[in-house]
Amino acid sequence: MIITCFIHYQIDPFQRDTFRVYAENWGRIIPRLGGHLLGYFLPHEGTNDEAWGLVAFESLAAYEAYRARLRADDEARANFELARSQRFILRERRTFVEAVEGAFCLPPLALVAR
């Protein structure tokens, strides 16, 4: 079973660009340390203080091993320190989800011309 860590952030909307840098940093770090990065997402329209990150793992045990590698990695620790010192993340929540196979990554159906 593949599980996905769904991270919901409440961010300071005036520091959106700083959060972007933080997310781009994870784009290098997460795959290197064994996470399958599905993506980071910034608000575009509507609510301006919510962002999301999605990282998949083979199991909760794989996630725990990844977390241990994060704690030992200099670049990961520096990224956590960026968030702490700049205070652009106001709140962070994590939920672990699994995909419903028959309702995941389905491409759009071609529209039939009439």
PDB file of N, CA and C in Angstrom:
ATOM      1  N   MET A   1       0.839  -1.175   0.000  1.00  0.00           N
ATOM      2  CA  MET A   1       0.000   0.000   0.000  1.00  0.00           C
ATOM      3  C   MET A   1       0.884   1.239   0.000  1.00  0.00           C
ATOM      4  N   ILE A   2       0.539   2.194  -0.811  1.00  0.00           N
ATOM      5  CA  ILE A   2       1.209   3.491  -0.835  1.00  0.00           C
ATOM      6  C   ILE A   2       0.410   4.441   0.048  1.00  0.00           C
ATOM      7  N   ILE A   3       1.113   5.155   0.918  1.00  0.00           N
ATOM      8  CA  ILE A   3       0.455   6.182   1.726  1.00  0.00           C
ATOM      9  C   ILE A   3       1.007   7.544   1.330  1.00  0.00           C
ATOM     10  N   THR A   4       0.191   8.552   1.481  1.00  0.00           N
ATOM     11  CA  THR A   4       0.628   9.900   1.168  1.00  0.00           C
ATOM     12  C   THR A   4       0.470  10.774   2.402  1.00  0.00           C
ATOM     13  N   CYS A   5       1.531  11.470   2.716  1.00  0.00           N
ATOM     14  CA  CYS A   5       1.497  12.461   3.787  1.00  0.00           C
ATOM     15  C   CYS A   5       0.992  13.754   3.161  1.00  0.00           C
ATOM     16  N   PHE A   6      -0.191  14.156   3.575  1.00  0.00           N
ATOM     17  CA  PHE A   6      -0.841  15.366   3.074  1.00  0.00           C
ATOM     18  C   PHE A   6      -0.581  16.445   4.115  1.00  0.00           C
ATOM     19  N   ILE A   7       0.231  17.433   3.752  1.00  0.00           N
ATOM     20  CA  ILE A   7       0.609  18.490   4.691  1.00  0.00           C
ATOM     21  C   ILE A   7      -0.180  19.748   4.338  1.00  0.00           C
ATOM     22  N   HIS A   8      -0.940  20.237   5.292  1.00  0.00           N
ATOM     23  CA  HIS A   8      -1.732  21.452   5.108  1.00  0.00           C
ATOM     24  C   HIS A   8      -1.058  22.551   5.907  1.00  0.00           C
ATOM     25  N   TYR A   9      -0.691  23.614   5.214  1.00  0.00           N
ATOM     26  CA  TYR A   9      -0.023  24.745   5.842  1.00  0.00           C
ATOM     27  C   TYR A   9      -0.952  25.952   5.886  1.00  0.00           C
ATOM     28  N   GLN A  10      -0.918  26.659   6.985  1.00  0.00           N
ATOM     29  CA  GLN A  10      -1.457  28.009   7.013  1.00  0.00           C
ATOM     30  C   GLN A  10      -0.228  28.899   6.947  1.00  0.00           C
ATOM     31  N   ILE A  11      -0.158  29.739   5.912  1.00  0.00           N
ATOM     32  CA  ILE A  11       1.026  30.559   5.704  1.00  0.00           C
ATOM     33  C   ILE A  11       0.687  32.039   5.848  1.00  0.00           C
ATOM     34  N   ASP A  12       1.708  32.824   6.086  1.00  0.00           N
ATOM     35  CA  ASP A  12       1.574  34.277   6.070  1.00  0.00           C
ATOM     36  C   ASP A  12       1.471  34.681   4.600  1.00  0.00           C
ATOM     37  N   PRO A  13       0.324  35.207   4.156  1.00  0.00           N
ATOM     38  CA  PRO A  13       0.167  35.520   2.733  1.00  0.00           C
ATOM     39  C   PRO A  13       1.135  36.592   2.239  1.00  0.00           C
ATOM     40  N   PHE A  14       1.709  37.362   3.145  1.00  0.00           N
ATOM     41  CA  PHE A  14       2.674  38.390   2.757  1.00  0.00           C
ATOM     42  C   PHE A  14       4.078  37.818   2.574  1.00  0.00           C
ATOM     43  N   GLN A  15       4.228  36.525   2.919  1.00  0.00           N
ATOM     44  CA  GLN A  15       5.515  35.853   2.738  1.00  0.00           C
ATOM     45  C   GLN A  15       5.386  34.666   1.775  1.00  0.00           C
ATOM     46  N   ARG A  16       4.476  34.775   0.852  1.00  0.00           N
ATOM     47  CA  ARG A  16       4.224  33.720  -0.138  1.00  0.00           C
ATOM     48  C   ARG A  16       5.506  33.335  -0.889  1.00  0.00           C
ATOM     49  N   ASP A  17       6.299  34.334  -1.282  1.00  0.00           N
ATOM     50  CA  ASP A  17       7.529  34.052  -2.030  1.00  0.00           C
ATOM     51  C   ASP A  17       8.549  33.300  -1.181  1.00  0.00           C
ATOM     52  N   THR A  18       8.581  33.569   0.110  1.00  0.00           N
ATOM     53  CA  THR A  18       9.485  32.843   0.998  1.00  0.00           C
ATOM     54  C   THR A  18       9.036  31.394   1.125  1.00  0.00           C
ATOM     55  N   PHE A  19       7.708  31.159   1.208  1.00  0.00           N
ATOM     56  CA  PHE A  19       7.217  29.786   1.229  1.00  0.00           C
ATOM     57  C   PHE A  19       7.580  29.080  -0.074  1.00  0.00           C
ATOM     58  N   ARG A  20       7.524  29.783  -1.199  1.00  0.00           N
ATOM     59  CA  ARG A  20       7.902  29.182  -2.482  1.00  0.00           C
ATOM     60  C   ARG A  20       9.351  28.679  -2.441  1.00  0.00           C
ATOM     61  N   VAL A  21      10.250  29.482  -1.894  1.00  0.00           N
ATOM     62  CA  VAL A  21      11.656  29.071  -1.764  1.00  0.00           C
ATOM     63  C   VAL A  21      11.751  27.813  -0.893  1.00  0.00           C
ATOM     64  N   TYR A  22      11.051  27.817   0.226  1.00  0.00           N
ATOM     65  CA  TYR A  22      11.005  26.670   1.134  1.00  0.00           C
ATOM     66  C   TYR A  22      10.546  25.421   0.390  1.00  0.00           C
ATOM     67  N   ALA A  23       9.458  25.533  -0.380  1.00  0.00           N
ATOM     68  CA  ALA A  23       8.924  24.394  -1.137  1.00  0.00           C
ATOM     69  C   ALA A  23       9.907  23.940  -2.209  1.00  0.00           C
ATOM     70  N   GLU A  24      10.528  24.886  -2.902  1.00  0.00           N
ATOM     71  CA  GLU A  24      11.520  24.523  -3.925  1.00  0.00           C
ATOM     72  C   GLU A  24      12.707  23.793  -3.301  1.00  0.00           C
ATOM     73  N   ASN A  25      13.101  24.194  -2.095  1.00  0.00           N
ATOM     74  CA  ASN A  25      14.166  23.480  -1.385  1.00  0.00           C
ATOM     75  C   ASN A  25      13.773  22.029  -1.150  1.00  0.00           C
ATOM     76  N   TRP A  26      12.518  21.791  -0.715  1.00  0.00           N
ATOM     77  CA  TRP A  26      12.051  20.421  -0.505  1.00  0.00           C
ATOM     78  C   TRP A  26      12.063  19.641  -1.820  1.00  0.00           C
ATOM     79  N   GLY A  27      11.907  20.332  -2.938  1.00  0.00           N
ATOM     80  CA  GLY A  27      11.966  19.665  -4.237  1.00  0.00           C
ATOM     81  C   GLY A  27      13.297  18.987  -4.496  1.00  0.00           C
ATOM     82  N   ARG A  28      14.346  19.475  -3.907  1.00  0.00           N
ATOM     83  CA  ARG A  28      15.662  18.818  -3.984  1.00  0.00           C
ATOM     84  C   ARG A  28      15.847  17.796  -2.873  1.00  0.00           C
ATOM     85  N   ILE A  29      15.395  18.160  -1.670  1.00  0.00           N
ATOM     86  CA  ILE A  29      15.702  17.362  -0.472  1.00  0.00           C
ATOM     87  C   ILE A  29      14.877  16.082  -0.397  1.00  0.00           C
ATOM     88  N   ILE A  30      13.574  16.184  -0.557  1.00  0.00           N
ATOM     89  CA  ILE A  30      12.679  15.037  -0.342  1.00  0.00           C
ATOM     90  C   ILE A  30      13.031  13.847  -1.221  1.00  0.00           C
ATOM     91  N   PRO A  31      13.170  14.015  -2.543  1.00  0.00           N
ATOM     92  CA  PRO A  31      13.516  12.840  -3.366  1.00  0.00           C
ATOM     93  C   PRO A  31      14.881  12.246  -2.999  1.00  0.00           C
ATOM     94  N   ARG A  32      15.832  13.111  -2.674  1.00  0.00           N
ATOM     95  CA  ARG A  32      17.177  12.636  -2.312  1.00  0.00           C
ATOM     96  C   ARG A  32      17.141  11.768  -1.054  1.00  0.00           C
ATOM     97  N   LEU A  33      16.203  12.061  -0.151  1.00  0.00           N
ATOM     98  CA  LEU A  33      16.127  11.324   1.111  1.00  0.00           C
ATOM     99  C   LEU A  33      15.107  10.186   1.088  1.00  0.00           C
ATOM    100  N   GLY A  34      14.499   9.924  -0.071  1.00  0.00           N
ATOM    101  CA  GLY A  34      13.655   8.739  -0.200  1.00  0.00           C
ATOM    102  C   GLY A  34      12.162   8.962  -0.242  1.00  0.00           C
ATOM    103  N   GLY A  35      11.705  10.206  -0.237  1.00  0.00           N
ATOM    104  CA  GLY A  35      10.274  10.471  -0.367  1.00  0.00           C
ATOM    105  C   GLY A  35       9.898  10.649  -1.831  1.00  0.00           C
ATOM    106  N   HIS A  36       8.692  10.258  -2.179  1.00  0.00           N
ATOM    107  CA  HIS A  36       8.171  10.472  -3.536  1.00  0.00           C
ATOM    108  C   HIS A  36       7.375  11.771  -3.486  1.00  0.00           C
ATOM    109  N   LEU A  37       7.991  12.837  -3.947  1.00  0.00           N
ATOM    110  CA  LEU A  37       7.359  14.154  -3.875  1.00  0.00           C
ATOM    111  C   LEU A  37       6.300  14.275  -4.962  1.00  0.00           C
ATOM    112  N   LEU A  38       5.048  14.375  -4.535  1.00  0.00           N
ATOM    113  CA  LEU A  38       3.947  14.582  -5.473  1.00  0.00           C
ATOM    114  C   LEU A  38       3.781  16.059  -5.785  1.00  0.00           C
ATOM    115  N   GLY A  39       4.184  16.914  -4.878  1.00  0.00           N
ATOM    116  CA  GLY A  39       4.167  18.334  -5.170  1.00  0.00           C
ATOM    117  C   GLY A  39       3.883  19.213  -3.973  1.00  0.00           C
ATOM    118  N   TYR A  40       4.251  20.467  -4.137  1.00  0.00           N
ATOM    119  CA  TYR A  40       3.883  21.539  -3.217  1.00  0.00           C
ATOM    120  C   TYR A  40       2.992  22.497  -3.992  1.00  0.00           C
ATOM    121  N   PHE A  41       2.015  23.076  -3.317  1.00  0.00           N
ATOM    122  CA  PHE A  41       1.019  23.909  -3.970  1.00  0.00           C
ATOM    123  C   PHE A  41       0.800  25.187  -3.176  1.00  0.00           C
ATOM    124  N   LEU A  42       0.830  26.316  -3.874  1.00  0.00           N
ATOM    125  CA  LEU A  42       0.566  27.631  -3.287  1.00  0.00           C
ATOM    126  C   LEU A  42      -0.844  28.080  -3.654  1.00  0.00           C
ATOM    127  N   PRO A  43      -1.429  28.965  -2.866  1.00  0.00           N
ATOM    128  CA  PRO A  43      -2.740  29.494  -3.239  1.00  0.00           C
ATOM    129  C   PRO A  43      -2.640  30.304  -4.526  1.00  0.00           C
ATOM    130  N   HIS A  44      -3.656  30.201  -5.336  1.00  0.00           N
ATOM    131  CA  HIS A  44      -3.695  30.947  -6.593  1.00  0.00           C
ATOM    132  C   HIS A  44      -4.864  31.938  -6.594  1.00  0.00           C
ATOM    133  N   GLU A  45      -6.065  31.424  -6.341  1.00  0.00           N
ATOM    134  CA  GLU A  45      -7.251  32.264  -6.190  1.00  0.00           C
ATOM    135  C   GLU A  45      -7.986  31.804  -4.951  1.00  0.00           C
ATOM    136  N   GLY A  46      -8.813  32.646  -4.417  1.00  0.00           N
ATOM    137  CA  GLY A  46      -9.563  32.274  -3.218  1.00  0.00           C
ATOM    138  C   GLY A  46      -8.729  32.528  -1.982  1.00  0.00           C
ATOM    139  N   THR A  47      -8.771  31.604  -1.045  1.00  0.00           N
ATOM    140  CA  THR A  47      -8.047  31.736   0.212  1.00  0.00           C
ATOM    141  C   THR A  47      -6.564  31.938  -0.060  1.00  0.00           C
ATOM    142  N   ASN A  48      -5.979  32.954   0.567  1.00  0.00           N
ATOM    143  CA  ASN A  48      -4.589  33.279   0.264  1.00  0.00           C
ATOM    144  C   ASN A  48      -3.589  32.812   1.315  1.00  0.00           C
ATOM    145  N   ASP A  49      -4.066  32.085   2.325  1.00  0.00           N
ATOM    146  CA  ASP A  49      -3.151  31.687   3.397  1.00  0.00           C
ATOM    147  C   ASP A  49      -3.054  30.175   3.581  1.00  0.00           C
ATOM    148  N   GLU A  50      -3.417  29.406   2.563  1.00  0.00           N
ATOM    149  CA  GLU A  50      -3.318  27.948   2.647  1.00  0.00           C
ATOM    150  C   GLU A  50      -2.413  27.431   1.541  1.00  0.00           C
ATOM    151  N   ALA A  51      -1.530  26.510   1.904  1.00  0.00           N
ATOM    152  CA  ALA A  51      -0.649  25.841   0.950  1.00  0.00           C
ATOM    153  C   ALA A  51      -0.617  24.365   1.323  1.00  0.00           C
ATOM    154  N   TRP A  52      -0.156  23.528   0.394  1.00  0.00           N
ATOM    155  CA  TRP A  52      -0.168  22.084   0.625  1.00  0.00           C
ATOM    156  C   TRP A  52       1.101  21.443   0.092  1.00  0.00           C
ATOM    157  N   GLY A  53       1.484  20.363   0.733  1.00  0.00           N
ATOM    158  CA  GLY A  53       2.571  19.515   0.252  1.00  0.00           C
ATOM    159  C   GLY A  53       2.107  18.074   0.317  1.00  0.00           C
ATOM    160  N   LEU A  54       2.445  17.285  -0.701  1.00  0.00           N
ATOM    161  CA  LEU A  54       2.068  15.869  -0.733  1.00  0.00           C
ATOM    162  C   LEU A  54       3.308  15.029  -1.018  1.00  0.00           C
ATOM    163  N   VAL A  55       3.587  14.088  -0.107  1.00  0.00           N
ATOM    164  CA  VAL A  55       4.750  13.220  -0.239  1.00  0.00           C
ATOM    165  C   VAL A  55       4.302  11.787   0.009  1.00  0.00           C
ATOM    166  N   ALA A  56       4.613  10.877  -0.921  1.00  0.00           N
ATOM    167  CA  ALA A  56       4.169   9.485  -0.813  1.00  0.00           C
ATOM    168  C   ALA A  56       5.309   8.580  -0.331  1.00  0.00           C
ATOM    169  N   PHE A  57       4.894   7.497   0.343  1.00  0.00           N
ATOM    170  CA  PHE A  57       5.827   6.500   0.880  1.00  0.00           C
ATOM    171  C   PHE A  57       5.215   5.114   0.725  1.00  0.00           C
ATOM    172  N   GLU A  58       6.072   4.103   0.704  1.00  0.00           N
ATOM    173  CA  GLU A  58       5.593   2.724   0.590  1.00  0.00           C
ATOM    174  C   GLU A  58       4.816   2.278   1.818  1.00  0.00           C
ATOM    175  N   SER A  59       5.138   2.850   2.967  1.00  0.00           N
ATOM    176  CA  SER A  59       4.504   2.433   4.215  1.00  0.00           C
ATOM    177  C   SER A  59       4.805   3.471   5.295  1.00  0.00           C
ATOM    178  N   LEU A  60       4.150   3.325   6.450  1.00  0.00           N
ATOM    179  CA  LEU A  60       4.472   4.205   7.580  1.00  0.00           C
ATOM    180  C   LEU A  60       5.899   3.972   8.063  1.00  0.00           C
ATOM    181  N   ALA A  61       6.373   2.727   7.975  1.00  0.00           N
ATOM    182  CA  ALA A  61       7.756   2.433   8.363  1.00  0.00           C
ATOM    183  C   ALA A  61       8.735   3.169   7.448  1.00  0.00           C
ATOM    184  N   ALA A  62       8.448   3.221   6.151  1.00  0.00           N
ATOM    185  CA  ALA A  62       9.296   3.955   5.207  1.00  0.00           C
ATOM    186  C   ALA A  62       9.282   5.444   5.542  1.00  0.00           C
ATOM    187  N   TYR A  63       8.120   5.956   5.934  1.00  0.00           N
ATOM    188  CA  TYR A  63       8.015   7.361   6.332  1.00  0.00           C
ATOM    189  C   TYR A  63       8.876   7.628   7.572  1.00  0.00           C
ATOM    190  N   GLU A  64       8.817   6.745   8.563  1.00  0.00           N
ATOM    191  CA  GLU A  64       9.605   6.935   9.782  1.00  0.00           C
ATOM    192  C   GLU A  64      11.101   6.906   9.482  1.00  0.00           C
ATOM    193  N   ALA A  65      11.538   6.021   8.587  1.00  0.00           N
ATOM    194  CA  ALA A  65      12.952   5.978   8.203  1.00  0.00           C
ATOM    195  C   ALA A  65      13.351   7.274   7.487  1.00  0.00           C
ATOM    196  N   TYR A  66      12.473   7.768   6.644  1.00  0.00           N
ATOM    197  CA  TYR A  66      12.692   9.038   5.948  1.00  0.00           C
ATOM    198  C   TYR A  66      12.822  10.186   6.955  1.00  0.00           C
ATOM    199  N   ARG A  67      11.948  10.224   7.953  1.00  0.00           N
ATOM    200  CA  ARG A  67      12.002  11.271   8.970  1.00  0.00           C
ATOM    201  C   ARG A  67      13.340  11.262   9.708  1.00  0.00           C
ATOM    202  N   ALA A  68      13.868  10.063   9.964  1.00  0.00           N
ATOM    203  CA  ALA A  68      15.177   9.968  10.617  1.00  0.00           C
ATOM    204  C   ALA A  68      16.267  10.549   9.705  1.00  0.00           C
ATOM    205  N   ARG A  69      16.190  10.283   8.400  1.00  0.00           N
ATOM    206  CA  ARG A  69      17.160  10.853   7.457  1.00  0.00           C
ATOM    207  C   ARG A  69      17.029  12.374   7.397  1.00  0.00           C
ATOM    208  N   LEU A  70      15.789  12.886   7.460  1.00  0.00           N
ATOM    209  CA  LEU A  70      15.577  14.341   7.480  1.00  0.00           C
ATOM    210  C   LEU A  70      16.297  14.995   8.653  1.00  0.00           C
ATOM    211  N   ARG A  71      16.131  14.398   9.826  1.00  0.00           N
ATOM    212  CA  ARG A  71      16.734  14.970  11.037  1.00  0.00           C
ATOM    213  C   ARG A  71      18.262  14.993  10.962  1.00  0.00           C
ATOM    214  N   ALA A  72      18.853  14.077  10.195  1.00  0.00           N
ATOM    215  CA  ALA A  72      20.308  13.983  10.110  1.00  0.00           C
ATOM    216  C   ALA A  72      20.894  14.774   8.938  1.00  0.00           C
ATOM    217  N   ASP A  73      20.043  15.334   8.076  1.00  0.00           N
ATOM    218  CA  ASP A  73      20.501  15.973   6.844  1.00  0.00           C
ATOM    219  C   ASP A  73      20.694  17.477   7.040  1.00  0.00           C
ATOM    220  N   ASP A  74      21.874  17.983   6.672  1.00  0.00           N
ATOM    221  CA  ASP A  74      22.180  19.405   6.858  1.00  0.00           C
ATOM    222  C   ASP A  74      21.248  20.309   6.056  1.00  0.00           C
ATOM    223  N   GLU A  75      20.965  19.963   4.803  1.00  0.00           N
ATOM    224  CA  GLU A  75      20.108  20.811   3.972  1.00  0.00           C
ATOM    225  C   GLU A  75      18.671  20.822   4.497  1.00  0.00           C
ATOM    226  N   ALA A  76      18.182  19.685   4.959  1.00  0.00           N
ATOM    227  CA  ALA A  76      16.832  19.625   5.530  1.00  0.00           C
ATOM    228  C   ALA A  76      16.757  20.455   6.807  1.00  0.00           C
ATOM    229  N   ARG A  77      17.756  20.325   7.661  1.00  0.00           N
ATOM    230  CA  ARG A  77      17.764  21.110   8.897  1.00  0.00           C
ATOM    231  C   ARG A  77      17.807  22.610   8.595  1.00  0.00           C
ATOM    232  N   ALA A  78      18.560  22.998   7.571  1.00  0.00           N
ATOM    233  CA  ALA A  78      18.622  24.410   7.187  1.00  0.00           C
ATOM    234  C   ALA A  78      17.259  24.899   6.684  1.00  0.00           C
ATOM    235  N   ASN A  79      16.521  24.046   5.973  1.00  0.00           N
ATOM    236  CA  ASN A  79      15.205  24.447   5.485  1.00  0.00           C
ATOM    237  C   ASN A  79      14.207  24.590   6.631  1.00  0.00           C
ATOM    238  N   PHE A  80      14.273  23.667   7.600  1.00  0.00           N
ATOM    239  CA  PHE A  80      13.434  23.814   8.792  1.00  0.00           C
ATOM    240  C   PHE A  80      13.776  25.123   9.520  1.00  0.00           C
ATOM    241  N   GLU A  81      15.057  25.453   9.591  1.00  0.00           N
ATOM    242  CA  GLU A  81      15.484  26.684  10.260  1.00  0.00           C
ATOM    243  C   GLU A  81      15.003  27.926   9.506  1.00  0.00           C
ATOM    244  N   LEU A  82      14.975  27.862   8.169  1.00  0.00           N
ATOM    245  CA  LEU A  82      14.428  28.966   7.380  1.00  0.00           C
ATOM    246  C   LEU A  82      12.979  29.231   7.796  1.00  0.00           C
ATOM    247  N   ALA A  83      12.196  28.174   7.886  1.00  0.00           N
ATOM    248  CA  ALA A  83      10.787  28.330   8.278  1.00  0.00           C
ATOM    249  C   ALA A  83      10.667  28.875   9.698  1.00  0.00           C
ATOM    250  N   ARG A  84      11.487  28.369  10.603  1.00  0.00           N
ATOM    251  CA  ARG A  84      11.421  28.817  11.993  1.00  0.00           C
ATOM    252  C   ARG A  84      11.823  30.287  12.118  1.00  0.00           C
ATOM    253  N   SER A  85      12.905  30.663  11.470  1.00  0.00           N
ATOM    254  CA  SER A  85      13.417  32.031  11.637  1.00  0.00           C
ATOM    255  C   SER A  85      12.571  33.073  10.910  1.00  0.00           C
ATOM    256  N   GLN A  86      12.014  32.717   9.762  1.00  0.00           N
ATOM    257  CA  GLN A  86      11.221  33.679   8.983  1.00  0.00           C
ATOM    258  C   GLN A  86       9.744  33.684   9.372  1.00  0.00           C
ATOM    259  N   ARG A  87       9.295  32.632  10.048  1.00  0.00           N
ATOM    260  CA  ARG A  87       7.927  32.534  10.575  1.00  0.00           C
ATOM    261  C   ARG A  87       6.838  32.711   9.525  1.00  0.00           C
ATOM    262  N   PHE A  88       7.054  32.152   8.329  1.00  0.00           N
ATOM    263  CA  PHE A  88       6.036  32.244   7.277  1.00  0.00           C
ATOM    264  C   PHE A  88       5.018  31.114   7.359  1.00  0.00           C
ATOM    265  N   ILE A  89       5.325  30.065   8.129  1.00  0.00           N
ATOM    266  CA  ILE A  89       4.354  29.005   8.380  1.00  0.00           C
ATOM    267  C   ILE A  89       3.720  29.291   9.736  1.00  0.00           C
ATOM    268  N   LEU A  90       2.416  29.545   9.720  1.00  0.00           N
ATOM    269  CA  LEU A  90       1.705  29.867  10.949  1.00  0.00           C
ATOM    270  C   LEU A  90       1.166  28.620  11.626  1.00  0.00           C
ATOM    271  N   ARG A  91       0.838  27.602  10.812  1.00  0.00           N
ATOM    272  CA  ARG A  91       0.300  26.347  11.332  1.00  0.00           C
ATOM    273  C   ARG A  91       0.562  25.259  10.300  1.00  0.00           C
ATOM    274  N   GLU A  92       0.799  24.049  10.792  1.00  0.00           N
ATOM    275  CA  GLU A  92       1.054  22.915   9.911  1.00  0.00           C
ATOM    276  C   GLU A  92       0.328  21.694  10.461  1.00  0.00           C
ATOM    277  N   ARG A  93      -0.413  21.019   9.585  1.00  0.00           N
ATOM    278  CA  ARG A  93      -1.113  19.787   9.977  1.00  0.00           C
ATOM    279  C   ARG A  93      -0.747  18.688   8.981  1.00  0.00           C
ATOM    280  N   ARG A  94      -0.607  17.472   9.472  1.00  0.00           N
ATOM    281  CA  ARG A  94      -0.294  16.323   8.621  1.00  0.00           C
ATOM    282  C   ARG A  94      -1.386  15.279   8.752  1.00  0.00           C
ATOM    283  N   THR A  95      -1.778  14.755   7.616  1.00  0.00           N
ATOM    284  CA  THR A  95      -2.740  13.662   7.561  1.00  0.00           C
ATOM    285  C   THR A  95      -2.176  12.623   6.602  1.00  0.00           C
ATOM    286  N   PHE A  96      -2.344  11.365   6.943  1.00  0.00           N
ATOM    287  CA  PHE A  96      -1.886  10.292   6.058  1.00  0.00           C
ATOM    288  C   PHE A  96      -3.092   9.689   5.362  1.00  0.00           C
ATOM    289  N   VAL A  97      -3.009   9.637   4.046  1.00  0.00           N
ATOM    290  CA  VAL A  97      -4.125   9.143   3.240  1.00  0.00           C
ATOM    291  C   VAL A  97      -3.627   8.069   2.280  1.00  0.00           C
ATOM    292  N   GLU A  98      -4.563   7.264   1.789  1.00  0.00           N
ATOM    293  CA  GLU A  98      -4.244   6.313   0.726  1.00  0.00           C
ATOM    294  C   GLU A  98      -5.162   6.606  -0.447  1.00  0.00           C
ATOM    295  N   ALA A  99      -4.654   6.403  -1.635  1.00  0.00           N
ATOM    296  CA  ALA A  99      -5.431   6.683  -2.842  1.00  0.00           C
ATOM    297  C   ALA A  99      -6.478   5.590  -3.060  1.00  0.00           C
ATOM    298  N   VAL A 100      -7.595   5.983  -3.593  1.00  0.00           N
ATOM    299  CA  VAL A 100      -8.629   5.044  -4.031  1.00  0.00           C
ATOM    300  C   VAL A 100      -8.290   4.712  -5.476  1.00  0.00           C
ATOM    301  N   GLU A 101      -7.888   3.478  -5.738  1.00  0.00           N
ATOM    302  CA  GLU A 101      -7.359   3.098  -7.050  1.00  0.00           C
ATOM    303  C   GLU A 101      -8.271   3.464  -8.216  1.00  0.00           C
ATOM    304  N   GLY A 102      -9.557   3.255  -8.075  1.00  0.00           N
ATOM    305  CA  GLY A 102     -10.461   3.541  -9.181  1.00  0.00           C
ATOM    306  C   GLY A 102     -10.798   5.012  -9.351  1.00  0.00           C
ATOM    307  N   ALA A 103     -10.200   5.852  -8.519  1.00  0.00           N
ATOM    308  CA  ALA A 103     -10.510   7.278  -8.574  1.00  0.00           C
ATOM    309  C   ALA A 103      -9.264   8.131  -8.366  1.00  0.00           C
ATOM    310  N   PHE A 104      -8.143   7.694  -8.953  1.00  0.00           N
ATOM    311  CA  PHE A 104      -6.885   8.413  -8.762  1.00  0.00           C
ATOM    312  C   PHE A 104      -6.145   8.513 -10.091  1.00  0.00           C
ATOM    313  N   CYS A 105      -5.676   9.700 -10.397  1.00  0.00           N
ATOM    314  CA  CYS A 105      -4.877   9.962 -11.605  1.00  0.00           C
ATOM    315  C   CYS A 105      -5.554   9.530 -12.885  1.00  0.00           C
ATOM    316  N   LEU A 106      -6.821   9.795 -12.988  1.00  0.00           N
ATOM    317  CA  LEU A 106      -7.549   9.462 -14.207  1.00  0.00           C
ATOM    318  C   LEU A 106      -7.440  10.629 -15.177  1.00  0.00           C
ATOM    319  N   PRO A 107      -7.015  10.378 -16.418  1.00  0.00           N
ATOM    320  CA  PRO A 107      -6.910  11.458 -17.386  1.00  0.00           C
ATOM    321  C   PRO A 107      -8.303  11.911 -17.829  1.00  0.00           C
ATOM    322  N   PRO A 108      -8.392  13.142 -18.316  1.00  0.00           N
ATOM    323  CA  PRO A 108      -9.696  13.590 -18.806  1.00  0.00           C
ATOM    324  C   PRO A 108     -10.110  12.797 -20.032  1.00  0.00           C
ATOM    325  N   LEU A 109     -11.386  12.584 -20.165  1.00  0.00           N
ATOM    326  CA  LEU A 109     -11.895  11.911 -21.342  1.00  0.00           C
ATOM    327  C   LEU A 109     -11.953  12.906 -22.492  1.00  0.00           C
ATOM    328  N   ALA A 110     -11.637  12.439 -23.680  1.00  0.00           N
ATOM    329  CA  ALA A 110     -11.698  13.319 -24.849  1.00  0.00           C
ATOM    330  C   ALA A 110     -13.148  13.728 -25.087  1.00  0.00           C
ATOM    331  N   LEU A 111     -13.348  14.981 -25.375  1.00  0.00           N
ATOM    332  CA  LEU A 111     -14.691  15.467 -25.680  1.00  0.00           C
ATOM    333  C   LEU A 111     -15.020  15.084 -27.113  1.00  0.00           C
ATOM    334  N   VAL A 112     -16.190  14.546 -27.300  1.00  0.00           N
ATOM    335  CA  VAL A 112     -16.626  14.130 -28.619  1.00  0.00           C
ATOM    336  C   VAL A 112     -17.312  15.318 -29.302  1.00  0.00           C
ATOM    337  N   ALA A 113     -16.823  15.682 -30.489  1.00  0.00           N
ATOM    338  CA  ALA A 113     -17.441  16.792 -31.231  1.00  0.00           C
ATOM    339  C   ALA A 113     -18.776  16.340 -31.763  1.00  0.00           C
ATOM    340  N   ARG A 114     -19.763  17.204 -31.667  1.00  0.00           N
ATOM    341  CA  ARG A 114     -21.106  16.848 -32.143  1.00  0.00           C
ATOM    342  C   ARG A 114     -21.420  17.551 -33.426  1.00  0.00           C
TER     343      ARG A 114
END
